Amino acid sequence: AFHIWQIEAGLTHGSAAISLLSPLG
């Protein structure tokens, strides 16, 4: 949800996942 908020706010592009293991995972 925070990642989506960053995309909506234009703070990140978020175009594609680099890996299935996110920093949180």
PDBML (XML) file of the C-alpha atoms, coordinates in Angstrom:
<?xml version="1.0" encoding="UTF-8" ?>
<PDBx:datablock datablockName="MODEL"
   xmlns:PDBx="http://pdbml.pdb.org/schema/pdbx-v50.xsd"
   xmlns:xsi="http://www.w3.org/2001/XMLSchema-instance"
   xsi:schemaLocation="http://pdbml.pdb.org/schema/pdbx-v50.xsd pdbx-v50.xsd">
   <PDBx:atom_siteCategory>
      <PDBx:atom_site id="1">
         <PDBx:B_iso_or_equiv>0.00</PDBx:B_iso_or_equiv>
         <PDBx:Cartn_x>0.000</PDBx:Cartn_x>
         <PDBx:Cartn_y>0.000</PDBx:Cartn_y>
         <PDBx:Cartn_z>0.000</PDBx:Cartn_z>
         <PDBx:auth_asym_id>A</PDBx:auth_asym_id>
         <PDBx:auth_atom_id>CA</PDBx:auth_atom_id>
         <PDBx:auth_comp_id>ALA</PDBx:auth_comp_id>
         <PDBx:auth_seq_id>1</PDBx:auth_seq_id>
         <PDBx:group_PDB>ATOM</PDBx:group_PDB>
         <PDBx:label_alt_id xsi:nil="true" />
         <PDBx:label_asym_id>A</PDBx:label_asym_id>
         <PDBx:label_atom_id>CA</PDBx:label_atom_id>
         <PDBx:label_comp_id>ALA</PDBx:label_comp_id>
         <PDBx:label_entity_id>1</PDBx:label_entity_id>
         <PDBx:label_seq_id>1</PDBx:label_seq_id>
         <PDBx:occupancy>1.00</PDBx:occupancy>
         <PDBx:pdbx_PDB_model_num>1</PDBx:pdbx_PDB_model_num>
         <PDBx:type_symbol>C</PDBx:type_symbol>
      </PDBx:atom_site>
      <PDBx:atom_site id="2">
         <PDBx:B_iso_or_equiv>0.00</PDBx:B_iso_or_equiv>
         <PDBx:Cartn_x>2.894</PDBx:Cartn_x>
         <PDBx:Cartn_y>2.318</PDBx:Cartn_y>
         <PDBx:Cartn_z>0.767</PDBx:Cartn_z>
         <PDBx:auth_asym_id>A</PDBx:auth_asym_id>
         <PDBx:auth_atom_id>CA</PDBx:auth_atom_id>
         <PDBx:auth_comp_id>PHE</PDBx:auth_comp_id>
         <PDBx:auth_seq_id>2</PDBx:auth_seq_id>
         <PDBx:group_PDB>ATOM</PDBx:group_PDB>
         <PDBx:label_alt_id xsi:nil="true" />
         <PDBx:label_asym_id>A</PDBx:label_asym_id>
         <PDBx:label_atom_id>CA</PDBx:label_atom_id>
         <PDBx:label_comp_id>PHE</PDBx:label_comp_id>
         <PDBx:label_entity_id>1</PDBx:label_entity_id>
         <PDBx:label_seq_id>2</PDBx:label_seq_id>
         <PDBx:occupancy>1.00</PDBx:occupancy>
         <PDBx:pdbx_PDB_model_num>1</PDBx:pdbx_PDB_model_num>
         <PDBx:type_symbol>C</PDBx:type_symbol>
      </PDBx:atom_site>
      <PDBx:atom_site id="3">
         <PDBx:B_iso_or_equiv>0.00</PDBx:B_iso_or_equiv>
         <PDBx:Cartn_x>4.469</PDBx:Cartn_x>
         <PDBx:Cartn_y>1.338</PDBx:Cartn_y>
         <PDBx:Cartn_z>-2.569</PDBx:Cartn_z>
         <PDBx:auth_asym_id>A</PDBx:auth_asym_id>
         <PDBx:auth_atom_id>CA</PDBx:auth_atom_id>
         <PDBx:auth_comp_id>HIS</PDBx:auth_comp_id>
         <PDBx:auth_seq_id>3</PDBx:auth_seq_id>
         <PDBx:group_PDB>ATOM</PDBx:group_PDB>
         <PDBx:label_alt_id xsi:nil="true" />
         <PDBx:label_asym_id>A</PDBx:label_asym_id>
         <PDBx:label_atom_id>CA</PDBx:label_atom_id>
         <PDBx:label_comp_id>HIS</PDBx:label_comp_id>
         <PDBx:label_entity_id>1</PDBx:label_entity_id>
         <PDBx:label_seq_id>3</PDBx:label_seq_id>
         <PDBx:occupancy>1.00</PDBx:occupancy>
         <PDBx:pdbx_PDB_model_num>1</PDBx:pdbx_PDB_model_num>
         <PDBx:type_symbol>C</PDBx:type_symbol>
      </PDBx:atom_site>
      <PDBx:atom_site id="4">
         <PDBx:B_iso_or_equiv>0.00</PDBx:B_iso_or_equiv>
         <PDBx:Cartn_x>1.223</PDBx:Cartn_x>
         <PDBx:Cartn_y>2.213</PDBx:Cartn_y>
         <PDBx:Cartn_z>-4.379</PDBx:Cartn_z>
         <PDBx:auth_asym_id>A</PDBx:auth_asym_id>
         <PDBx:auth_atom_id>CA</PDBx:auth_atom_id>
         <PDBx:auth_comp_id>ILE</PDBx:auth_comp_id>
         <PDBx:auth_seq_id>4</PDBx:auth_seq_id>
         <PDBx:group_PDB>ATOM</PDBx:group_PDB>
         <PDBx:label_alt_id xsi:nil="true" />
         <PDBx:label_asym_id>A</PDBx:label_asym_id>
         <PDBx:label_atom_id>CA</PDBx:label_atom_id>
         <PDBx:label_comp_id>ILE</PDBx:label_comp_id>
         <PDBx:label_entity_id>1</PDBx:label_entity_id>
         <PDBx:label_seq_id>4</PDBx:label_seq_id>
         <PDBx:occupancy>1.00</PDBx:occupancy>
         <PDBx:pdbx_PDB_model_num>1</PDBx:pdbx_PDB_model_num>
         <PDBx:type_symbol>C</PDBx:type_symbol>
      </PDBx:atom_site>
      <PDBx:atom_site id="5">
         <PDBx:B_iso_or_equiv>0.00</PDBx:B_iso_or_equiv>
         <PDBx:Cartn_x>1.103</PDBx:Cartn_x>
         <PDBx:Cartn_y>5.550</PDBx:Cartn_y>
         <PDBx:Cartn_z>-2.544</PDBx:Cartn_z>
         <PDBx:auth_asym_id>A</PDBx:auth_asym_id>
         <PDBx:auth_atom_id>CA</PDBx:auth_atom_id>
         <PDBx:auth_comp_id>TRP</PDBx:auth_comp_id>
         <PDBx:auth_seq_id>5</PDBx:auth_seq_id>
         <PDBx:group_PDB>ATOM</PDBx:group_PDB>
         <PDBx:label_alt_id xsi:nil="true" />
         <PDBx:label_asym_id>A</PDBx:label_asym_id>
         <PDBx:label_atom_id>CA</PDBx:label_atom_id>
         <PDBx:label_comp_id>TRP</PDBx:label_comp_id>
         <PDBx:label_entity_id>1</PDBx:label_entity_id>
         <PDBx:label_seq_id>5</PDBx:label_seq_id>
         <PDBx:occupancy>1.00</PDBx:occupancy>
         <PDBx:pdbx_PDB_model_num>1</PDBx:pdbx_PDB_model_num>
         <PDBx:type_symbol>C</PDBx:type_symbol>
      </PDBx:atom_site>
      <PDBx:atom_site id="6">
         <PDBx:B_iso_or_equiv>0.00</PDBx:B_iso_or_equiv>
         <PDBx:Cartn_x>4.635</PDBx:Cartn_x>
         <PDBx:Cartn_y>6.288</PDBx:Cartn_y>
         <PDBx:Cartn_z>-3.761</PDBx:Cartn_z>
         <PDBx:auth_asym_id>A</PDBx:auth_asym_id>
         <PDBx:auth_atom_id>CA</PDBx:auth_atom_id>
         <PDBx:auth_comp_id>GLN</PDBx:auth_comp_id>
         <PDBx:auth_seq_id>6</PDBx:auth_seq_id>
         <PDBx:group_PDB>ATOM</PDBx:group_PDB>
         <PDBx:label_alt_id xsi:nil="true" />
         <PDBx:label_asym_id>A</PDBx:label_asym_id>
         <PDBx:label_atom_id>CA</PDBx:label_atom_id>
         <PDBx:label_comp_id>GLN</PDBx:label_comp_id>
         <PDBx:label_entity_id>1</PDBx:label_entity_id>
         <PDBx:label_seq_id>6</PDBx:label_seq_id>
         <PDBx:occupancy>1.00</PDBx:occupancy>
         <PDBx:pdbx_PDB_model_num>1</PDBx:pdbx_PDB_model_num>
         <PDBx:type_symbol>C</PDBx:type_symbol>
      </PDBx:atom_site>
      <PDBx:atom_site id="7">
         <PDBx:B_iso_or_equiv>0.00</PDBx:B_iso_or_equiv>
         <PDBx:Cartn_x>3.567</PDBx:Cartn_x>
         <PDBx:Cartn_y>5.547</PDBx:Cartn_y>
         <PDBx:Cartn_z>-7.337</PDBx:Cartn_z>
         <PDBx:auth_asym_id>A</PDBx:auth_asym_id>
         <PDBx:auth_atom_id>CA</PDBx:auth_atom_id>
         <PDBx:auth_comp_id>ILE</PDBx:auth_comp_id>
         <PDBx:auth_seq_id>7</PDBx:auth_seq_id>
         <PDBx:group_PDB>ATOM</PDBx:group_PDB>
         <PDBx:label_alt_id xsi:nil="true" />
         <PDBx:label_asym_id>A</PDBx:label_asym_id>
         <PDBx:label_atom_id>CA</PDBx:label_atom_id>
         <PDBx:label_comp_id>ILE</PDBx:label_comp_id>
         <PDBx:label_entity_id>1</PDBx:label_entity_id>
         <PDBx:label_seq_id>7</PDBx:label_seq_id>
         <PDBx:occupancy>1.00</PDBx:occupancy>
         <PDBx:pdbx_PDB_model_num>1</PDBx:pdbx_PDB_model_num>
         <PDBx:type_symbol>C</PDBx:type_symbol>
      </PDBx:atom_site>
      <PDBx:atom_site id="8">
         <PDBx:B_iso_or_equiv>0.00</PDBx:B_iso_or_equiv>
         <PDBx:Cartn_x>0.481</PDBx:Cartn_x>
         <PDBx:Cartn_y>7.759</PDBx:Cartn_y>
         <PDBx:Cartn_z>-7.009</PDBx:Cartn_z>
         <PDBx:auth_asym_id>A</PDBx:auth_asym_id>
         <PDBx:auth_atom_id>CA</PDBx:auth_atom_id>
         <PDBx:auth_comp_id>GLU</PDBx:auth_comp_id>
         <PDBx:auth_seq_id>8</PDBx:auth_seq_id>
         <PDBx:group_PDB>ATOM</PDBx:group_PDB>
         <PDBx:label_alt_id xsi:nil="true" />
         <PDBx:label_asym_id>A</PDBx:label_asym_id>
         <PDBx:label_atom_id>CA</PDBx:label_atom_id>
         <PDBx:label_comp_id>GLU</PDBx:label_comp_id>
         <PDBx:label_entity_id>1</PDBx:label_entity_id>
         <PDBx:label_seq_id>8</PDBx:label_seq_id>
         <PDBx:occupancy>1.00</PDBx:occupancy>
         <PDBx:pdbx_PDB_model_num>1</PDBx:pdbx_PDB_model_num>
         <PDBx:type_symbol>C</PDBx:type_symbol>
      </PDBx:atom_site>
      <PDBx:atom_site id="9">
         <PDBx:B_iso_or_equiv>0.00</PDBx:B_iso_or_equiv>
         <PDBx:Cartn_x>2.589</PDBx:Cartn_x>
         <PDBx:Cartn_y>10.572</PDBx:Cartn_y>
         <PDBx:Cartn_z>-5.542</PDBx:Cartn_z>
         <PDBx:auth_asym_id>A</PDBx:auth_asym_id>
         <PDBx:auth_atom_id>CA</PDBx:auth_atom_id>
         <PDBx:auth_comp_id>ALA</PDBx:auth_comp_id>
         <PDBx:auth_seq_id>9</PDBx:auth_seq_id>
         <PDBx:group_PDB>ATOM</PDBx:group_PDB>
         <PDBx:label_alt_id xsi:nil="true" />
         <PDBx:label_asym_id>A</PDBx:label_asym_id>
         <PDBx:label_atom_id>CA</PDBx:label_atom_id>
         <PDBx:label_comp_id>ALA</PDBx:label_comp_id>
         <PDBx:label_entity_id>1</PDBx:label_entity_id>
         <PDBx:label_seq_id>9</PDBx:label_seq_id>
         <PDBx:occupancy>1.00</PDBx:occupancy>
         <PDBx:pdbx_PDB_model_num>1</PDBx:pdbx_PDB_model_num>
         <PDBx:type_symbol>C</PDBx:type_symbol>
      </PDBx:atom_site>
      <PDBx:atom_site id="10">
         <PDBx:B_iso_or_equiv>0.00</PDBx:B_iso_or_equiv>
         <PDBx:Cartn_x>5.109</PDBx:Cartn_x>
         <PDBx:Cartn_y>10.238</PDBx:Cartn_y>
         <PDBx:Cartn_z>-8.352</PDBx:Cartn_z>
         <PDBx:auth_asym_id>A</PDBx:auth_asym_id>
         <PDBx:auth_atom_id>CA</PDBx:auth_atom_id>
         <PDBx:auth_comp_id>GLY</PDBx:auth_comp_id>
         <PDBx:auth_seq_id>10</PDBx:auth_seq_id>
         <PDBx:group_PDB>ATOM</PDBx:group_PDB>
         <PDBx:label_alt_id xsi:nil="true" />
         <PDBx:label_asym_id>A</PDBx:label_asym_id>
         <PDBx:label_atom_id>CA</PDBx:label_atom_id>
         <PDBx:label_comp_id>GLY</PDBx:label_comp_id>
         <PDBx:label_entity_id>1</PDBx:label_entity_id>
         <PDBx:label_seq_id>10</PDBx:label_seq_id>
         <PDBx:occupancy>1.00</PDBx:occupancy>
         <PDBx:pdbx_PDB_model_num>1</PDBx:pdbx_PDB_model_num>
         <PDBx:type_symbol>C</PDBx:type_symbol>
      </PDBx:atom_site>
      <PDBx:atom_site id="11">
         <PDBx:B_iso_or_equiv>0.00</PDBx:B_iso_or_equiv>
         <PDBx:Cartn_x>7.910</PDBx:Cartn_x>
         <PDBx:Cartn_y>9.402</PDBx:Cartn_y>
         <PDBx:Cartn_z>-5.937</PDBx:Cartn_z>
         <PDBx:auth_asym_id>A</PDBx:auth_asym_id>
         <PDBx:auth_atom_id>CA</PDBx:auth_atom_id>
         <PDBx:auth_comp_id>LEU</PDBx:auth_comp_id>
         <PDBx:auth_seq_id>11</PDBx:auth_seq_id>
         <PDBx:group_PDB>ATOM</PDBx:group_PDB>
         <PDBx:label_alt_id xsi:nil="true" />
         <PDBx:label_asym_id>A</PDBx:label_asym_id>
         <PDBx:label_atom_id>CA</PDBx:label_atom_id>
         <PDBx:label_comp_id>LEU</PDBx:label_comp_id>
         <PDBx:label_entity_id>1</PDBx:label_entity_id>
         <PDBx:label_seq_id>11</PDBx:label_seq_id>
         <PDBx:occupancy>1.00</PDBx:occupancy>
         <PDBx:pdbx_PDB_model_num>1</PDBx:pdbx_PDB_model_num>
         <PDBx:type_symbol>C</PDBx:type_symbol>
      </PDBx:atom_site>
      <PDBx:atom_site id="12">
         <PDBx:B_iso_or_equiv>0.00</PDBx:B_iso_or_equiv>
         <PDBx:Cartn_x>8.790</PDBx:Cartn_x>
         <PDBx:Cartn_y>6.154</PDBx:Cartn_y>
         <PDBx:Cartn_z>-7.686</PDBx:Cartn_z>
         <PDBx:auth_asym_id>A</PDBx:auth_asym_id>
         <PDBx:auth_atom_id>CA</PDBx:auth_atom_id>
         <PDBx:auth_comp_id>THR</PDBx:auth_comp_id>
         <PDBx:auth_seq_id>12</PDBx:auth_seq_id>
         <PDBx:group_PDB>ATOM</PDBx:group_PDB>
         <PDBx:label_alt_id xsi:nil="true" />
         <PDBx:label_asym_id>A</PDBx:label_asym_id>
         <PDBx:label_atom_id>CA</PDBx:label_atom_id>
         <PDBx:label_comp_id>THR</PDBx:label_comp_id>
         <PDBx:label_entity_id>1</PDBx:label_entity_id>
         <PDBx:label_seq_id>12</PDBx:label_seq_id>
         <PDBx:occupancy>1.00</PDBx:occupancy>
         <PDBx:pdbx_PDB_model_num>1</PDBx:pdbx_PDB_model_num>
         <PDBx:type_symbol>C</PDBx:type_symbol>
      </PDBx:atom_site>
      <PDBx:atom_site id="13">
         <PDBx:B_iso_or_equiv>0.00</PDBx:B_iso_or_equiv>
         <PDBx:Cartn_x>8.213</PDBx:Cartn_x>
         <PDBx:Cartn_y>4.662</PDBx:Cartn_y>
         <PDBx:Cartn_z>-11.101</PDBx:Cartn_z>
         <PDBx:auth_asym_id>A</PDBx:auth_asym_id>
         <PDBx:auth_atom_id>CA</PDBx:auth_atom_id>
         <PDBx:auth_comp_id>HIS</PDBx:auth_comp_id>
         <PDBx:auth_seq_id>13</PDBx:auth_seq_id>
         <PDBx:group_PDB>ATOM</PDBx:group_PDB>
         <PDBx:label_alt_id xsi:nil="true" />
         <PDBx:label_asym_id>A</PDBx:label_asym_id>
         <PDBx:label_atom_id>CA</PDBx:label_atom_id>
         <PDBx:label_comp_id>HIS</PDBx:label_comp_id>
         <PDBx:label_entity_id>1</PDBx:label_entity_id>
         <PDBx:label_seq_id>13</PDBx:label_seq_id>
         <PDBx:occupancy>1.00</PDBx:occupancy>
         <PDBx:pdbx_PDB_model_num>1</PDBx:pdbx_PDB_model_num>
         <PDBx:type_symbol>C</PDBx:type_symbol>
      </PDBx:atom_site>
      <PDBx:atom_site id="14">
         <PDBx:B_iso_or_equiv>0.00</PDBx:B_iso_or_equiv>
         <PDBx:Cartn_x>7.752</PDBx:Cartn_x>
         <PDBx:Cartn_y>1.098</PDBx:Cartn_y>
         <PDBx:Cartn_z>-9.869</PDBx:Cartn_z>
         <PDBx:auth_asym_id>A</PDBx:auth_asym_id>
         <PDBx:auth_atom_id>CA</PDBx:auth_atom_id>
         <PDBx:auth_comp_id>GLY</PDBx:auth_comp_id>
         <PDBx:auth_seq_id>14</PDBx:auth_seq_id>
         <PDBx:group_PDB>ATOM</PDBx:group_PDB>
         <PDBx:label_alt_id xsi:nil="true" />
         <PDBx:label_asym_id>A</PDBx:label_asym_id>
         <PDBx:label_atom_id>CA</PDBx:label_atom_id>
         <PDBx:label_comp_id>GLY</PDBx:label_comp_id>
         <PDBx:label_entity_id>1</PDBx:label_entity_id>
         <PDBx:label_seq_id>14</PDBx:label_seq_id>
         <PDBx:occupancy>1.00</PDBx:occupancy>
         <PDBx:pdbx_PDB_model_num>1</PDBx:pdbx_PDB_model_num>
         <PDBx:type_symbol>C</PDBx:type_symbol>
      </PDBx:atom_site>
      <PDBx:atom_site id="15">
         <PDBx:B_iso_or_equiv>0.00</PDBx:B_iso_or_equiv>
         <PDBx:Cartn_x>7.640</PDBx:Cartn_x>
         <PDBx:Cartn_y>-0.273</PDBx:Cartn_y>
         <PDBx:Cartn_z>-13.393</PDBx:Cartn_z>
         <PDBx:auth_asym_id>A</PDBx:auth_asym_id>
         <PDBx:auth_atom_id>CA</PDBx:auth_atom_id>
         <PDBx:auth_comp_id>SER</PDBx:auth_comp_id>
         <PDBx:auth_seq_id>15</PDBx:auth_seq_id>
         <PDBx:group_PDB>ATOM</PDBx:group_PDB>
         <PDBx:label_alt_id xsi:nil="true" />
         <PDBx:label_asym_id>A</PDBx:label_asym_id>
         <PDBx:label_atom_id>CA</PDBx:label_atom_id>
         <PDBx:label_comp_id>SER</PDBx:label_comp_id>
         <PDBx:label_entity_id>1</PDBx:label_entity_id>
         <PDBx:label_seq_id>15</PDBx:label_seq_id>
         <PDBx:occupancy>1.00</PDBx:occupancy>
         <PDBx:pdbx_PDB_model_num>1</PDBx:pdbx_PDB_model_num>
         <PDBx:type_symbol>C</PDBx:type_symbol>
      </PDBx:atom_site>
      <PDBx:atom_site id="16">
         <PDBx:B_iso_or_equiv>0.00</PDBx:B_iso_or_equiv>
         <PDBx:Cartn_x>8.852</PDBx:Cartn_x>
         <PDBx:Cartn_y>-3.796</PDBx:Cartn_y>
         <PDBx:Cartn_z>-12.832</PDBx:Cartn_z>
         <PDBx:auth_asym_id>A</PDBx:auth_asym_id>
         <PDBx:auth_atom_id>CA</PDBx:auth_atom_id>
         <PDBx:auth_comp_id>ALA</PDBx:auth_comp_id>
         <PDBx:auth_seq_id>16</PDBx:auth_seq_id>
         <PDBx:group_PDB>ATOM</PDBx:group_PDB>
         <PDBx:label_alt_id xsi:nil="true" />
         <PDBx:label_asym_id>A</PDBx:label_asym_id>
         <PDBx:label_atom_id>CA</PDBx:label_atom_id>
         <PDBx:label_comp_id>ALA</PDBx:label_comp_id>
         <PDBx:label_entity_id>1</PDBx:label_entity_id>
         <PDBx:label_seq_id>16</PDBx:label_seq_id>
         <PDBx:occupancy>1.00</PDBx:occupancy>
         <PDBx:pdbx_PDB_model_num>1</PDBx:pdbx_PDB_model_num>
         <PDBx:type_symbol>C</PDBx:type_symbol>
      </PDBx:atom_site>
      <PDBx:atom_site id="17">
         <PDBx:B_iso_or_equiv>0.00</PDBx:B_iso_or_equiv>
         <PDBx:Cartn_x>9.882</PDBx:Cartn_x>
         <PDBx:Cartn_y>-6.057</PDBx:Cartn_y>
         <PDBx:Cartn_z>-10.009</PDBx:Cartn_z>
         <PDBx:auth_asym_id>A</PDBx:auth_asym_id>
         <PDBx:auth_atom_id>CA</PDBx:auth_atom_id>
         <PDBx:auth_comp_id>ALA</PDBx:auth_comp_id>
         <PDBx:auth_seq_id>17</PDBx:auth_seq_id>
         <PDBx:group_PDB>ATOM</PDBx:group_PDB>
         <PDBx:label_alt_id xsi:nil="true" />
         <PDBx:label_asym_id>A</PDBx:label_asym_id>
         <PDBx:label_atom_id>CA</PDBx:label_atom_id>
         <PDBx:label_comp_id>ALA</PDBx:label_comp_id>
         <PDBx:label_entity_id>1</PDBx:label_entity_id>
         <PDBx:label_seq_id>17</PDBx:label_seq_id>
         <PDBx:occupancy>1.00</PDBx:occupancy>
         <PDBx:pdbx_PDB_model_num>1</PDBx:pdbx_PDB_model_num>
         <PDBx:type_symbol>C</PDBx:type_symbol>
      </PDBx:atom_site>
      <PDBx:atom_site id="18">
         <PDBx:B_iso_or_equiv>0.00</PDBx:B_iso_or_equiv>
         <PDBx:Cartn_x>13.581</PDBx:Cartn_x>
         <PDBx:Cartn_y>-6.882</PDBx:Cartn_y>
         <PDBx:Cartn_z>-9.948</PDBx:Cartn_z>
         <PDBx:auth_asym_id>A</PDBx:auth_asym_id>
         <PDBx:auth_atom_id>CA</PDBx:auth_atom_id>
         <PDBx:auth_comp_id>ILE</PDBx:auth_comp_id>
         <PDBx:auth_seq_id>18</PDBx:auth_seq_id>
         <PDBx:group_PDB>ATOM</PDBx:group_PDB>
         <PDBx:label_alt_id xsi:nil="true" />
         <PDBx:label_asym_id>A</PDBx:label_asym_id>
         <PDBx:label_atom_id>CA</PDBx:label_atom_id>
         <PDBx:label_comp_id>ILE</PDBx:label_comp_id>
         <PDBx:label_entity_id>1</PDBx:label_entity_id>
         <PDBx:label_seq_id>18</PDBx:label_seq_id>
         <PDBx:occupancy>1.00</PDBx:occupancy>
         <PDBx:pdbx_PDB_model_num>1</PDBx:pdbx_PDB_model_num>
         <PDBx:type_symbol>C</PDBx:type_symbol>
      </PDBx:atom_site>
      <PDBx:atom_site id="19">
         <PDBx:B_iso_or_equiv>0.00</PDBx:B_iso_or_equiv>
         <PDBx:Cartn_x>13.037</PDBx:Cartn_x>
         <PDBx:Cartn_y>-9.985</PDBx:Cartn_y>
         <PDBx:Cartn_z>-7.848</PDBx:Cartn_z>
         <PDBx:auth_asym_id>A</PDBx:auth_asym_id>
         <PDBx:auth_atom_id>CA</PDBx:auth_atom_id>
         <PDBx:auth_comp_id>SER</PDBx:auth_comp_id>
         <PDBx:auth_seq_id>19</PDBx:auth_seq_id>
         <PDBx:group_PDB>ATOM</PDBx:group_PDB>
         <PDBx:label_alt_id xsi:nil="true" />
         <PDBx:label_asym_id>A</PDBx:label_asym_id>
         <PDBx:label_atom_id>CA</PDBx:label_atom_id>
         <PDBx:label_comp_id>SER</PDBx:label_comp_id>
         <PDBx:label_entity_id>1</PDBx:label_entity_id>
         <PDBx:label_seq_id>19</PDBx:label_seq_id>
         <PDBx:occupancy>1.00</PDBx:occupancy>
         <PDBx:pdbx_PDB_model_num>1</PDBx:pdbx_PDB_model_num>
         <PDBx:type_symbol>C</PDBx:type_symbol>
      </PDBx:atom_site>
      <PDBx:atom_site id="20">
         <PDBx:B_iso_or_equiv>0.00</PDBx:B_iso_or_equiv>
         <PDBx:Cartn_x>10.297</PDBx:Cartn_x>
         <PDBx:Cartn_y>-11.862</PDBx:Cartn_y>
         <PDBx:Cartn_z>-6.069</PDBx:Cartn_z>
         <PDBx:auth_asym_id>A</PDBx:auth_asym_id>
         <PDBx:auth_atom_id>CA</PDBx:auth_atom_id>
         <PDBx:auth_comp_id>LEU</PDBx:auth_comp_id>
         <PDBx:auth_seq_id>20</PDBx:auth_seq_id>
         <PDBx:group_PDB>ATOM</PDBx:group_PDB>
         <PDBx:label_alt_id xsi:nil="true" />
         <PDBx:label_asym_id>A</PDBx:label_asym_id>
         <PDBx:label_atom_id>CA</PDBx:label_atom_id>
         <PDBx:label_comp_id>LEU</PDBx:label_comp_id>
         <PDBx:label_entity_id>1</PDBx:label_entity_id>
         <PDBx:label_seq_id>20</PDBx:label_seq_id>
         <PDBx:occupancy>1.00</PDBx:occupancy>
         <PDBx:pdbx_PDB_model_num>1</PDBx:pdbx_PDB_model_num>
         <PDBx:type_symbol>C</PDBx:type_symbol>
      </PDBx:atom_site>
      <PDBx:atom_site id="21">
         <PDBx:B_iso_or_equiv>0.00</PDBx:B_iso_or_equiv>
         <PDBx:Cartn_x>12.159</PDBx:Cartn_x>
         <PDBx:Cartn_y>-11.335</PDBx:Cartn_y>
         <PDBx:Cartn_z>-2.815</PDBx:Cartn_z>
         <PDBx:auth_asym_id>A</PDBx:auth_asym_id>
         <PDBx:auth_atom_id>CA</PDBx:auth_atom_id>
         <PDBx:auth_comp_id>LEU</PDBx:auth_comp_id>
         <PDBx:auth_seq_id>21</PDBx:auth_seq_id>
         <PDBx:group_PDB>ATOM</PDBx:group_PDB>
         <PDBx:label_alt_id xsi:nil="true" />
         <PDBx:label_asym_id>A</PDBx:label_asym_id>
         <PDBx:label_atom_id>CA</PDBx:label_atom_id>
         <PDBx:label_comp_id>LEU</PDBx:label_comp_id>
         <PDBx:label_entity_id>1</PDBx:label_entity_id>
         <PDBx:label_seq_id>21</PDBx:label_seq_id>
         <PDBx:occupancy>1.00</PDBx:occupancy>
         <PDBx:pdbx_PDB_model_num>1</PDBx:pdbx_PDB_model_num>
         <PDBx:type_symbol>C</PDBx:type_symbol>
      </PDBx:atom_site>
      <PDBx:atom_site id="22">
         <PDBx:B_iso_or_equiv>0.00</PDBx:B_iso_or_equiv>
         <PDBx:Cartn_x>11.305</PDBx:Cartn_x>
         <PDBx:Cartn_y>-7.759</PDBx:Cartn_y>
         <PDBx:Cartn_z>-1.892</PDBx:Cartn_z>
         <PDBx:auth_asym_id>A</PDBx:auth_asym_id>
         <PDBx:auth_atom_id>CA</PDBx:auth_atom_id>
         <PDBx:auth_comp_id>SER</PDBx:auth_comp_id>
         <PDBx:auth_seq_id>22</PDBx:auth_seq_id>
         <PDBx:group_PDB>ATOM</PDBx:group_PDB>
         <PDBx:label_alt_id xsi:nil="true" />
         <PDBx:label_asym_id>A</PDBx:label_asym_id>
         <PDBx:label_atom_id>CA</PDBx:label_atom_id>
         <PDBx:label_comp_id>SER</PDBx:label_comp_id>
         <PDBx:label_entity_id>1</PDBx:label_entity_id>
         <PDBx:label_seq_id>22</PDBx:label_seq_id>
         <PDBx:occupancy>1.00</PDBx:occupancy>
         <PDBx:pdbx_PDB_model_num>1</PDBx:pdbx_PDB_model_num>
         <PDBx:type_symbol>C</PDBx:type_symbol>
      </PDBx:atom_site>
      <PDBx:atom_site id="23">
         <PDBx:B_iso_or_equiv>0.00</PDBx:B_iso_or_equiv>
         <PDBx:Cartn_x>13.354</PDBx:Cartn_x>
         <PDBx:Cartn_y>-6.104</PDBx:Cartn_y>
         <PDBx:Cartn_z>0.883</PDBx:Cartn_z>
         <PDBx:auth_asym_id>A</PDBx:auth_asym_id>
         <PDBx:auth_atom_id>CA</PDBx:auth_atom_id>
         <PDBx:auth_comp_id>PRO</PDBx:auth_comp_id>
         <PDBx:auth_seq_id>23</PDBx:auth_seq_id>
         <PDBx:group_PDB>ATOM</PDBx:group_PDB>
         <PDBx:label_alt_id xsi:nil="true" />
         <PDBx:label_asym_id>A</PDBx:label_asym_id>
         <PDBx:label_atom_id>CA</PDBx:label_atom_id>
         <PDBx:label_comp_id>PRO</PDBx:label_comp_id>
         <PDBx:label_entity_id>1</PDBx:label_entity_id>
         <PDBx:label_seq_id>23</PDBx:label_seq_id>
         <PDBx:occupancy>1.00</PDBx:occupancy>
         <PDBx:pdbx_PDB_model_num>1</PDBx:pdbx_PDB_model_num>
         <PDBx:type_symbol>C</PDBx:type_symbol>
      </PDBx:atom_site>
      <PDBx:atom_site id="24">
         <PDBx:B_iso_or_equiv>0.00</PDBx:B_iso_or_equiv>
         <PDBx:Cartn_x>10.512</PDBx:Cartn_x>
         <PDBx:Cartn_y>-6.864</PDBx:Cartn_y>
         <PDBx:Cartn_z>3.290</PDBx:Cartn_z>
         <PDBx:auth_asym_id>A</PDBx:auth_asym_id>
         <PDBx:auth_atom_id>CA</PDBx:auth_atom_id>
         <PDBx:auth_comp_id>LEU</PDBx:auth_comp_id>
         <PDBx:auth_seq_id>24</PDBx:auth_seq_id>
         <PDBx:group_PDB>ATOM</PDBx:group_PDB>
         <PDBx:label_alt_id xsi:nil="true" />
         <PDBx:label_asym_id>A</PDBx:label_asym_id>
         <PDBx:label_atom_id>CA</PDBx:label_atom_id>
         <PDBx:label_comp_id>LEU</PDBx:label_comp_id>
         <PDBx:label_entity_id>1</PDBx:label_entity_id>
         <PDBx:label_seq_id>24</PDBx:label_seq_id>
         <PDBx:occupancy>1.00</PDBx:occupancy>
         <PDBx:pdbx_PDB_model_num>1</PDBx:pdbx_PDB_model_num>
         <PDBx:type_symbol>C</PDBx:type_symbol>
      </PDBx:atom_site>
      <PDBx:atom_site id="25">
         <PDBx:B_iso_or_equiv>0.00</PDBx:B_iso_or_equiv>
         <PDBx:Cartn_x>10.335</PDBx:Cartn_x>
         <PDBx:Cartn_y>-10.502</PDBx:Cartn_y>
         <PDBx:Cartn_z>2.195</PDBx:Cartn_z>
         <PDBx:auth_asym_id>A</PDBx:auth_asym_id>
         <PDBx:auth_atom_id>CA</PDBx:auth_atom_id>
         <PDBx:auth_comp_id>GLY</PDBx:auth_comp_id>
         <PDBx:auth_seq_id>25</PDBx:auth_seq_id>
         <PDBx:group_PDB>ATOM</PDBx:group_PDB>
         <PDBx:label_alt_id xsi:nil="true" />
         <PDBx:label_asym_id>A</PDBx:label_asym_id>
         <PDBx:label_atom_id>CA</PDBx:label_atom_id>
         <PDBx:label_comp_id>GLY</PDBx:label_comp_id>
         <PDBx:label_entity_id>1</PDBx:label_entity_id>
         <PDBx:label_seq_id>25</PDBx:label_seq_id>
         <PDBx:occupancy>1.00</PDBx:occupancy>
         <PDBx:pdbx_PDB_model_num>1</PDBx:pdbx_PDB_model_num>
         <PDBx:type_symbol>C</PDBx:type_symbol>
      </PDBx:atom_site>
   </PDBx:atom_siteCategory>
</PDBx:datablock>
